[in-house]
Amino acid sequence: MRFVARNVVCRGGEIDLVMRAPDGTLVFVEVRARAHGNYGGAAASVVWRKQQRILRAAQHFLASHDGALPACRFDVIAFERGRLVWLRDAFRADGC
């Protein structure tokens, strides 16, 4: 994937990374890390409320996009106990 942006912030939301997949899909990536698996681990910490914050920031980012809106997806990269777990299409939003 190709890097597009990082630390996209708007009122009420934020995105760690924005990437472009080879097929042109815009990928919004949330990066989480947990030293211990308590409370479900890093991937489990991307709960509904966090997803809503990411979605708000993605809408903000897309509003500044010129031209036709690209396909998009939401991935989570979780570092858990020294292991990287990449969850492609971890959650969805209507309209993307």
PDB file of N, CA and C in Angstrom:
ATOM      1  N   MET A   1       0.839  -1.178   0.000  1.00  0.00           N
ATOM      2  CA  MET A   1       0.000   0.000   0.000  1.00  0.00           C
ATOM      3  C   MET A   1       0.881   1.238   0.000  1.00  0.00           C
ATOM      4  N   ARG A   2       0.301   2.320  -0.442  1.00  0.00           N
ATOM      5  CA  ARG A   2       1.016   3.595  -0.504  1.00  0.00           C
ATOM      6  C   ARG A   2       0.494   4.525   0.591  1.00  0.00           C
ATOM      7  N   PHE A   3       1.410   5.188   1.273  1.00  0.00           N
ATOM      8  CA  PHE A   3       1.080   6.131   2.338  1.00  0.00           C
ATOM      9  C   PHE A   3       0.369   7.355   1.761  1.00  0.00           C
ATOM     10  N   VAL A   4      -0.715   7.805   2.422  1.00  0.00           N
ATOM     11  CA  VAL A   4      -1.436   9.012   2.020  1.00  0.00           C
ATOM     12  C   VAL A   4      -1.351  10.076   3.120  1.00  0.00           C
ATOM     13  N   ALA A   5      -1.667   9.688   4.358  1.00  0.00           N
ATOM     14  CA  ALA A   5      -1.664  10.659   5.464  1.00  0.00           C
ATOM     15  C   ALA A   5      -1.566   9.912   6.792  1.00  0.00           C
ATOM     16  N   ARG A   6      -1.192  10.659   7.832  1.00  0.00           N
ATOM     17  CA  ARG A   6      -1.191  10.090   9.182  1.00  0.00           C
ATOM     18  C   ARG A   6      -1.740  11.111  10.157  1.00  0.00           C
ATOM     19  N   ASN A   7      -2.230  10.619  11.274  1.00  0.00           N
ATOM     20  CA  ASN A   7      -2.769  11.455  12.344  1.00  0.00           C
ATOM     21  C   ASN A   7      -3.780  12.475  11.817  1.00  0.00           C
ATOM     22  N   VAL A   8      -4.759  11.997  11.087  1.00  0.00           N
ATOM     23  CA  VAL A   8      -5.838  12.856  10.596  1.00  0.00           C
ATOM     24  C   VAL A   8      -6.775  13.120  11.771  1.00  0.00           C
ATOM     25  N   VAL A   9      -6.926  14.393  12.112  1.00  0.00           N
ATOM     26  CA  VAL A   9      -7.716  14.766  13.286  1.00  0.00           C
ATOM     27  C   VAL A   9      -8.803  15.748  12.878  1.00  0.00           C
ATOM     28  N   CYS A  10      -9.979  15.541  13.423  1.00  0.00           N
ATOM     29  CA  CYS A  10     -11.065  16.507  13.278  1.00  0.00           C
ATOM     30  C   CYS A  10     -11.810  16.519  14.608  1.00  0.00           C
ATOM     31  N   ARG A  11     -12.717  17.434  14.735  1.00  0.00           N
ATOM     32  CA  ARG A  11     -13.485  17.491  15.977  1.00  0.00           C
ATOM     33  C   ARG A  11     -14.262  16.181  16.143  1.00  0.00           C
ATOM     34  N   GLY A  12     -13.976  15.487  17.213  1.00  0.00           N
ATOM     35  CA  GLY A  12     -14.696  14.260  17.508  1.00  0.00           C
ATOM     36  C   GLY A  12     -14.152  13.009  16.855  1.00  0.00           C
ATOM     37  N   GLY A  13     -12.963  13.078  16.235  1.00  0.00           N
ATOM     38  CA  GLY A  13     -12.449  11.866  15.620  1.00  0.00           C
ATOM     39  C   GLY A  13     -11.000  11.966  15.214  1.00  0.00           C
ATOM     40  N   GLU A  14     -10.419  10.816  14.954  1.00  0.00           N
ATOM     41  CA  GLU A  14      -9.034  10.768  14.499  1.00  0.00           C
ATOM     42  C   GLU A  14      -8.772   9.448  13.786  1.00  0.00           C
ATOM     43  N   ILE A  15      -7.789   9.476  12.875  1.00  0.00           N
ATOM     44  CA  ILE A  15      -7.357   8.284  12.148  1.00  0.00           C
ATOM     45  C   ILE A  15      -5.842   8.230  12.231  1.00  0.00           C
ATOM     46  N   ASP A  16      -5.313   7.063  12.541  1.00  0.00           N
ATOM     47  CA  ASP A  16      -3.864   6.920  12.648  1.00  0.00           C
ATOM     48  C   ASP A  16      -3.191   6.997  11.285  1.00  0.00           C
ATOM     49  N   LEU A  17      -3.667   6.213  10.321  1.00  0.00           N
ATOM     50  CA  LEU A  17      -3.056   6.171   8.991  1.00  0.00           C
ATOM     51  C   LEU A  17      -4.130   6.136   7.904  1.00  0.00           C
ATOM     52  N   VAL A  18      -3.826   6.780   6.791  1.00  0.00           N
ATOM     53  CA  VAL A  18      -4.634   6.655   5.585  1.00  0.00           C
ATOM     54  C   VAL A  18      -3.689   6.139   4.506  1.00  0.00           C
ATOM     55  N   MET A  19      -4.076   5.027   3.897  1.00  0.00           N
ATOM     56  CA  MET A  19      -3.238   4.377   2.890  1.00  0.00           C
ATOM     57  C   MET A  19      -4.062   4.173   1.621  1.00  0.00           C
ATOM     58  N   ARG A  20      -3.365   3.963   0.501  1.00  0.00           N
ATOM     59  CA  ARG A  20      -4.042   3.645  -0.764  1.00  0.00           C
ATOM     60  C   ARG A  20      -3.592   2.258  -1.189  1.00  0.00           C
ATOM     61  N   ALA A  21      -4.562   1.355  -1.334  1.00  0.00           N
ATOM     62  CA  ALA A  21      -4.279  -0.010  -1.785  1.00  0.00           C
ATOM     63  C   ALA A  21      -3.992   0.002  -3.283  1.00  0.00           C
ATOM     64  N   PRO A  22      -3.326  -1.018  -3.792  1.00  0.00           N
ATOM     65  CA  PRO A  22      -3.022  -1.072  -5.225  1.00  0.00           C
ATOM     66  C   PRO A  22      -4.257  -0.952  -6.131  1.00  0.00           C
ATOM     67  N   ASP A  23      -5.408  -1.393  -5.655  1.00  0.00           N
ATOM     68  CA  ASP A  23      -6.628  -1.301  -6.472  1.00  0.00           C
ATOM     69  C   ASP A  23      -7.309   0.067  -6.376  1.00  0.00           C
ATOM     70  N   GLY A  24      -6.699   1.010  -5.640  1.00  0.00           N
ATOM     71  CA  GLY A  24      -7.249   2.355  -5.509  1.00  0.00           C
ATOM     72  C   GLY A  24      -8.103   2.581  -4.278  1.00  0.00           C
ATOM     73  N   THR A  25      -8.393   1.523  -3.535  1.00  0.00           N
ATOM     74  CA  THR A  25      -9.192   1.639  -2.320  1.00  0.00           C
ATOM     75  C   THR A  25      -8.455   2.482  -1.293  1.00  0.00           C
ATOM     76  N   LEU A  26      -9.172   3.397  -0.669  1.00  0.00           N
ATOM     77  CA  LEU A  26      -8.615   4.202   0.410  1.00  0.00           C
ATOM     78  C   LEU A  26      -8.797   3.408   1.706  1.00  0.00           C
ATOM     79  N   VAL A  27      -7.707   3.172   2.418  1.00  0.00           N
ATOM     80  CA  VAL A  27      -7.741   2.337   3.618  1.00  0.00           C
ATOM     81  C   VAL A  27      -7.455   3.210   4.835  1.00  0.00           C
ATOM     82  N   PHE A  28      -8.421   3.277   5.743  1.00  0.00           N
ATOM     83  CA  PHE A  28      -8.267   4.002   7.001  1.00  0.00           C
ATOM     84  C   PHE A  28      -7.827   2.974   8.043  1.00  0.00           C
ATOM     85  N   VAL A  29      -6.666   3.228   8.668  1.00  0.00           N
ATOM     86  CA  VAL A  29      -6.056   2.229   9.545  1.00  0.00           C
ATOM     87  C   VAL A  29      -5.988   2.751  10.976  1.00  0.00           C
ATOM     88  N   GLU A  30      -6.495   1.949  11.891  1.00  0.00           N
ATOM     89  CA  GLU A  30      -6.361   2.212  13.320  1.00  0.00           C
ATOM     90  C   GLU A  30      -5.265   1.297  13.847  1.00  0.00           C
ATOM     91  N   VAL A  31      -4.276   1.874  14.532  1.00  0.00           N
ATOM     92  CA  VAL A  31      -3.162   1.099  15.077  1.00  0.00           C
ATOM     93  C   VAL A  31      -3.324   1.052  16.593  1.00  0.00           C
ATOM     94  N   ARG A  32      -3.337  -0.170  17.136  1.00  0.00           N
ATOM     95  CA  ARG A  32      -3.515  -0.346  18.582  1.00  0.00           C
ATOM     96  C   ARG A  32      -2.432  -1.273  19.113  1.00  0.00           C
ATOM     97  N   ALA A  33      -2.023  -1.044  20.345  1.00  0.00           N
ATOM     98  CA  ALA A  33      -1.022  -1.904  20.982  1.00  0.00           C
ATOM     99  C   ALA A  33      -1.416  -2.135  22.437  1.00  0.00           C
ATOM    100  N   ARG A  34      -1.184  -3.331  22.896  1.00  0.00           N
ATOM    101  CA  ARG A  34      -1.416  -3.683  24.294  1.00  0.00           C
ATOM    102  C   ARG A  34      -0.303  -4.620  24.729  1.00  0.00           C
ATOM    103  N   ALA A  35       0.277  -4.358  25.866  1.00  0.00           N
ATOM    104  CA  ALA A  35       1.337  -5.212  26.400  1.00  0.00           C
ATOM    105  C   ALA A  35       0.749  -6.513  26.948  1.00  0.00           C
ATOM    106  N   HIS A  36      -0.473  -6.456  27.438  1.00  0.00           N
ATOM    107  CA  HIS A  36      -1.122  -7.622  28.044  1.00  0.00           C
ATOM    108  C   HIS A  36      -2.474  -7.845  27.377  1.00  0.00           C
ATOM    109  N   GLY A  37      -2.949  -9.053  27.442  1.00  0.00           N
ATOM    110  CA  GLY A  37      -4.243  -9.397  26.851  1.00  0.00           C
ATOM    111  C   GLY A  37      -5.426  -9.103  27.757  1.00  0.00           C
ATOM    112  N   ASN A  38      -5.184  -8.392  28.853  1.00  0.00           N
ATOM    113  CA  ASN A  38      -6.289  -8.057  29.758  1.00  0.00           C
ATOM    114  C   ASN A  38      -7.362  -7.279  29.018  1.00  0.00           C
ATOM    115  N   TYR A  39      -8.590  -7.508  29.352  1.00  0.00           N
ATOM    116  CA  TYR A  39      -9.732  -6.789  28.776  1.00  0.00           C
ATOM    117  C   TYR A  39      -9.860  -7.009  27.267  1.00  0.00           C
ATOM    118  N   GLY A  40      -9.391  -8.149  26.776  1.00  0.00           N
ATOM    119  CA  GLY A  40      -9.612  -8.493  25.380  1.00  0.00           C
ATOM    120  C   GLY A  40      -8.499  -8.156  24.414  1.00  0.00           C
ATOM    121  N   GLY A  41      -7.479  -7.425  24.825  1.00  0.00           N
ATOM    122  CA  GLY A  41      -6.360  -7.133  23.945  1.00  0.00           C
ATOM    123  C   GLY A  41      -6.566  -5.919  23.066  1.00  0.00           C
ATOM    124  N   ALA A  42      -5.594  -5.689  22.193  1.00  0.00           N
ATOM    125  CA  ALA A  42      -5.557  -4.475  21.373  1.00  0.00           C
ATOM    126  C   ALA A  42      -6.701  -4.420  20.364  1.00  0.00           C
ATOM    127  N   ALA A  43      -6.928  -5.491  19.626  1.00  0.00           N
ATOM    128  CA  ALA A  43      -7.980  -5.493  18.606  1.00  0.00           C
ATOM    129  C   ALA A  43      -9.355  -5.300  19.238  1.00  0.00           C
ATOM    130  N   ALA A  44      -9.574  -5.909  20.379  1.00  0.00           N
ATOM    131  CA  ALA A  44     -10.867  -5.801  21.058  1.00  0.00           C
ATOM    132  C   ALA A  44     -11.122  -4.396  21.601  1.00  0.00           C
ATOM    133  N   SER A  45     -10.074  -3.574  21.687  1.00  0.00           N
ATOM    134  CA  SER A  45     -10.253  -2.216  22.207  1.00  0.00           C
ATOM    135  C   SER A  45     -10.858  -1.263  21.175  1.00  0.00           C
ATOM    136  N   VAL A  46     -11.009  -1.710  19.946  1.00  0.00           N
ATOM    137  CA  VAL A  46     -11.642  -0.873  18.921  1.00  0.00           C
ATOM    138  C   VAL A  46     -13.147  -1.138  18.987  1.00  0.00           C
ATOM    139  N   VAL A  47     -13.740  -0.601  20.026  1.00  0.00           N
ATOM    140  CA  VAL A  47     -15.162  -0.794  20.301  1.00  0.00           C
ATOM    141  C   VAL A  47     -16.009   0.169  19.456  1.00  0.00           C
ATOM    142  N   TRP A  48     -17.323   0.045  19.560  1.00  0.00           N
ATOM    143  CA  TRP A  48     -18.251   0.839  18.754  1.00  0.00           C
ATOM    144  C   TRP A  48     -17.951   2.330  18.853  1.00  0.00           C
ATOM    145  N   ARG A  49     -17.702   2.841  20.041  1.00  0.00           N
ATOM    146  CA  ARG A  49     -17.433   4.275  20.230  1.00  0.00           C
ATOM    147  C   ARG A  49     -16.167   4.704  19.471  1.00  0.00           C
ATOM    148  N   LYS A  50     -15.114   3.901  19.537  1.00  0.00           N
ATOM    149  CA  LYS A  50     -13.877   4.204  18.813  1.00  0.00           C
ATOM    150  C   LYS A  50     -14.126   4.143  17.306  1.00  0.00           C
ATOM    151  N   GLN A  51     -14.893   3.175  16.866  1.00  0.00           N
ATOM    152  CA  GLN A  51     -15.246   3.076  15.454  1.00  0.00           C
ATOM    153  C   GLN A  51     -15.972   4.338  14.983  1.00  0.00           C
ATOM    154  N   GLN A  52     -16.858   4.877  15.801  1.00  0.00           N
ATOM    155  CA  GLN A  52     -17.590   6.091  15.441  1.00  0.00           C
ATOM    156  C   GLN A  52     -16.647   7.283  15.297  1.00  0.00           C
ATOM    157  N   ARG A  53     -15.629   7.356  16.147  1.00  0.00           N
ATOM    158  CA  ARG A  53     -14.638   8.438  16.054  1.00  0.00           C
ATOM    159  C   ARG A  53     -13.823   8.319  14.762  1.00  0.00           C
ATOM    160  N   ILE A  54     -13.480   7.096  14.399  1.00  0.00           N
ATOM    161  CA  ILE A  54     -12.746   6.865  13.152  1.00  0.00           C
ATOM    162  C   ILE A  54     -13.625   7.215  11.957  1.00  0.00           C
ATOM    163  N   LEU A  55     -14.889   6.821  12.007  1.00  0.00           N
ATOM    164  CA  LEU A  55     -15.814   7.116  10.914  1.00  0.00           C
ATOM    165  C   LEU A  55     -15.996   8.620  10.722  1.00  0.00           C
ATOM    166  N   ARG A  56     -16.103   9.368  11.825  1.00  0.00           N
ATOM    167  CA  ARG A  56     -16.224  10.830  11.726  1.00  0.00           C
ATOM    168  C   ARG A  56     -15.001  11.436  11.046  1.00  0.00           C
ATOM    169  N   ALA A  57     -13.834  10.984  11.442  1.00  0.00           N
ATOM    170  CA  ALA A  57     -12.605  11.509  10.843  1.00  0.00           C
ATOM    171  C   ALA A  57     -12.509  11.112   9.369  1.00  0.00           C
ATOM    172  N   ALA A  58     -12.950   9.921   9.028  1.00  0.00           N
ATOM    173  CA  ALA A  58     -12.943   9.489   7.621  1.00  0.00           C
ATOM    174  C   ALA A  58     -13.889  10.356   6.797  1.00  0.00           C
ATOM    175  N   GLN A  59     -15.057  10.662   7.324  1.00  0.00           N
ATOM    176  CA  GLN A  59     -15.991  11.545   6.621  1.00  0.00           C
ATOM    177  C   GLN A  59     -15.371  12.915   6.408  1.00  0.00           C
ATOM    178  N   HIS A  60     -14.703  13.425   7.423  1.00  0.00           N
ATOM    179  CA  HIS A  60     -14.013  14.707   7.322  1.00  0.00           C
ATOM    180  C   HIS A  60     -12.945  14.648   6.234  1.00  0.00           C
ATOM    181  N   PHE A  61     -12.154  13.589   6.234  1.00  0.00           N
ATOM    182  CA  PHE A  61     -11.094  13.425   5.246  1.00  0.00           C
ATOM    183  C   PHE A  61     -11.689  13.333   3.835  1.00  0.00           C
ATOM    184  N   LEU A  62     -12.740  12.558   3.670  1.00  0.00           N
ATOM    185  CA  LEU A  62     -13.361  12.386   2.354  1.00  0.00           C
ATOM    186  C   LEU A  62     -14.030  13.659   1.861  1.00  0.00           C
ATOM    187  N   ALA A  63     -14.511  14.495   2.782  1.00  0.00           N
ATOM    188  CA  ALA A  63     -15.151  15.755   2.389  1.00  0.00           C
ATOM    189  C   ALA A  63     -14.164  16.686   1.701  1.00  0.00           C
ATOM    190  N   SER A  64     -12.891  16.540   2.011  1.00  0.00           N
ATOM    191  CA  SER A  64     -11.877  17.393   1.390  1.00  0.00           C
ATOM    192  C   SER A  64     -11.328  16.775   0.103  1.00  0.00           C
ATOM    193  N   HIS A  65     -11.826  15.609  -0.259  1.00  0.00           N
ATOM    194  CA  HIS A  65     -11.360  14.890  -1.445  1.00  0.00           C
ATOM    195  C   HIS A  65     -12.037  15.448  -2.695  1.00  0.00           C
ATOM    196  N   ASP A  66     -11.241  15.816  -3.680  1.00  0.00           N
ATOM    197  CA  ASP A  66     -11.790  16.322  -4.936  1.00  0.00           C
ATOM    198  C   ASP A  66     -12.171  15.160  -5.846  1.00  0.00           C
ATOM    199  N   GLY A  67     -13.251  15.327  -6.581  1.00  0.00           N
ATOM    200  CA  GLY A  67     -13.653  14.315  -7.550  1.00  0.00           C
ATOM    201  C   GLY A  67     -14.508  13.226  -6.937  1.00  0.00           C
ATOM    202  N   ALA A  68     -14.612  12.122  -7.660  1.00  0.00           N
ATOM    203  CA  ALA A  68     -15.431  11.000  -7.217  1.00  0.00           C
ATOM    204  C   ALA A  68     -14.827  10.367  -5.965  1.00  0.00           C
ATOM    205  N   LEU A  69     -15.682   9.948  -5.073  1.00  0.00           N
ATOM    206  CA  LEU A  69     -15.205   9.320  -3.842  1.00  0.00           C
ATOM    207  C   LEU A  69     -14.706   7.909  -4.143  1.00  0.00           C
ATOM    208  N   PRO A  70     -13.537   7.570  -3.633  1.00  0.00           N
ATOM    209  CA  PRO A  70     -12.998   6.225  -3.868  1.00  0.00           C
ATOM    210  C   PRO A  70     -13.689   5.203  -2.965  1.00  0.00           C
ATOM    211  N   ALA A  71     -13.533   3.936  -3.320  1.00  0.00           N
ATOM    212  CA  ALA A  71     -13.948   2.878  -2.402  1.00  0.00           C
ATOM    213  C   ALA A  71     -13.066   2.997  -1.166  1.00  0.00           C
ATOM    214  N   CYS A  72     -13.602   2.612  -0.015  1.00  0.00           N
ATOM    215  CA  CYS A  72     -12.788   2.684   1.198  1.00  0.00           C
ATOM    216  C   CYS A  72     -13.069   1.499   2.100  1.00  0.00           C
ATOM    217  N   ARG A  73     -12.128   1.266   3.010  1.00  0.00           N
ATOM    218  CA  ARG A  73     -12.321   0.215   4.008  1.00  0.00           C
ATOM    219  C   ARG A  73     -11.614   0.638   5.290  1.00  0.00           C
ATOM    220  N   PHE A  74     -11.931  -0.039   6.367  1.00  0.00           N
ATOM    221  CA  PHE A  74     -11.391   0.269   7.682  1.00  0.00           C
ATOM    222  C   PHE A  74     -10.663  -0.952   8.227  1.00  0.00           C
ATOM    223  N   ASP A  75      -9.352  -0.816   8.404  1.00  0.00           N
ATOM    224  CA  ASP A  75      -8.515  -1.900   8.912  1.00  0.00           C
ATOM    225  C   ASP A  75      -8.049  -1.566  10.324  1.00  0.00           C
ATOM    226  N   VAL A  76      -7.691  -2.593  11.065  1.00  0.00           N
ATOM    227  CA  VAL A  76      -7.087  -2.435  12.391  1.00  0.00           C
ATOM    228  C   VAL A  76      -5.786  -3.219  12.393  1.00  0.00           C
ATOM    229  N   ILE A  77      -4.711  -2.558  12.796  1.00  0.00           N
ATOM    230  CA  ILE A  77      -3.437  -3.239  13.023  1.00  0.00           C
ATOM    231  C   ILE A  77      -3.242  -3.275  14.535  1.00  0.00           C
ATOM    232  N   ALA A  78      -3.164  -4.494  15.063  1.00  0.00           N
ATOM    233  CA  ALA A  78      -3.043  -4.671  16.507  1.00  0.00           C
ATOM    234  C   ALA A  78      -1.712  -5.348  16.832  1.00  0.00           C
ATOM    235  N   PHE A  79      -0.987  -4.763  17.777  1.00  0.00           N
ATOM    236  CA  PHE A  79       0.231  -5.368  18.298  1.00  0.00           C
ATOM    237  C   PHE A  79      -0.128  -5.977  19.649  1.00  0.00           C
ATOM    238  N   GLU A  80      -0.065  -7.296  19.707  1.00  0.00           N
ATOM    239  CA  GLU A  80      -0.430  -7.986  20.934  1.00  0.00           C
ATOM    240  C   GLU A  80       0.662  -8.974  21.302  1.00  0.00           C
ATOM    241  N   ARG A  81       1.292  -8.754  22.465  1.00  0.00           N
ATOM    242  CA  ARG A  81       2.355  -9.618  22.974  1.00  0.00           C
ATOM    243  C   ARG A  81       3.452  -9.843  21.941  1.00  0.00           C
ATOM    244  N   GLY A  82       3.874  -8.756  21.290  1.00  0.00           N
ATOM    245  CA  GLY A  82       4.962  -8.833  20.329  1.00  0.00           C
ATOM    246  C   GLY A  82       4.581  -9.368  18.958  1.00  0.00           C
ATOM    247  N   ARG A  83       3.292  -9.541  18.724  1.00  0.00           N
ATOM    248  CA  ARG A  83       2.816 -10.104  17.462  1.00  0.00           C
ATOM    249  C   ARG A  83       1.933  -9.087  16.762  1.00  0.00           C
ATOM    250  N   LEU A  84       2.137  -8.932  15.447  1.00  0.00           N
ATOM    251  CA  LEU A  84       1.314  -8.019  14.664  1.00  0.00           C
ATOM    252  C   LEU A  84       0.129  -8.793  14.076  1.00  0.00           C
ATOM    253  N   VAL A  85      -1.074  -8.249  14.271  1.00  0.00           N
ATOM    254  CA  VAL A  85      -2.290  -8.836  13.705  1.00  0.00           C
ATOM    255  C   VAL A  85      -2.943  -7.763  12.852  1.00  0.00           C
ATOM    256  N   TRP A  86      -3.143  -8.033  11.568  1.00  0.00           N
ATOM    257  CA  TRP A  86      -3.751  -7.069  10.653  1.00  0.00           C
ATOM    258  C   TRP A  86      -5.151  -7.558  10.330  1.00  0.00           C
ATOM    259  N   LEU A  87      -6.145  -6.806  10.760  1.00  0.00           N
ATOM    260  CA  LEU A  87      -7.549  -7.144  10.504  1.00  0.00           C
ATOM    261  C   LEU A  87      -8.050  -6.285   9.351  1.00  0.00           C
ATOM    262  N   ARG A  88      -8.085  -6.868   8.165  1.00  0.00           N
ATOM    263  CA  ARG A  88      -8.588  -6.153   6.985  1.00  0.00           C
ATOM    264  C   ARG A  88     -10.105  -6.080   7.084  1.00  0.00           C
ATOM    265  N   ASP A  89     -10.635  -4.925   6.707  1.00  0.00           N
ATOM    266  CA  ASP A  89     -12.090  -4.748   6.718  1.00  0.00           C
ATOM    267  C   ASP A  89     -12.653  -5.072   8.105  1.00  0.00           C
ATOM    268  N   ALA A  90     -12.013  -4.526   9.135  1.00  0.00           N
ATOM    269  CA  ALA A  90     -12.364  -4.830  10.518  1.00  0.00           C
ATOM    270  C   ALA A  90     -13.773  -4.388  10.878  1.00  0.00           C
ATOM    271  N   PHE A  91     -14.221  -3.294  10.292  1.00  0.00           N
ATOM    272  CA  PHE A  91     -15.604  -2.844  10.477  1.00  0.00           C
ATOM    273  C   PHE A  91     -15.999  -2.051   9.248  1.00  0.00           C
ATOM    274  N   ARG A  92     -17.291  -1.791   9.105  1.00  0.00           N
ATOM    275  CA  ARG A  92     -17.807  -1.142   7.908  1.00  0.00           C
ATOM    276  C   ARG A  92     -18.630   0.093   8.261  1.00  0.00           C
ATOM    277  N   ALA A  93     -18.764   0.936   7.246  1.00  0.00           N
ATOM    278  CA  ALA A  93     -19.616   2.114   7.379  1.00  0.00           C
ATOM    279  C   ALA A  93     -20.523   2.163   6.160  1.00  0.00           C
ATOM    280  N   ASP A  94     -21.730   2.576   6.347  1.00  0.00           N
ATOM    281  CA  ASP A  94     -22.617   2.768   5.206  1.00  0.00           C
ATOM    282  C   ASP A  94     -22.060   3.872   4.333  1.00  0.00           C
ATOM    283  N   GLY A  95     -22.093   3.707   3.030  1.00  0.00           N
ATOM    284  CA  GLY A  95     -21.629   4.741   2.129  1.00  0.00           C
ATOM    285  C   GLY A  95     -20.183   4.604   1.718  1.00  0.00           C
ATOM    286  N   CYS A  96     -19.462   3.627   2.275  1.00  0.00           N
ATOM    287  CA  CYS A  96     -18.057   3.392   1.868  1.00  0.00           C
ATOM    288  C   CYS A  96     -17.948   2.045   1.203  1.00  0.00           C
TER     289      CYS A  96
END
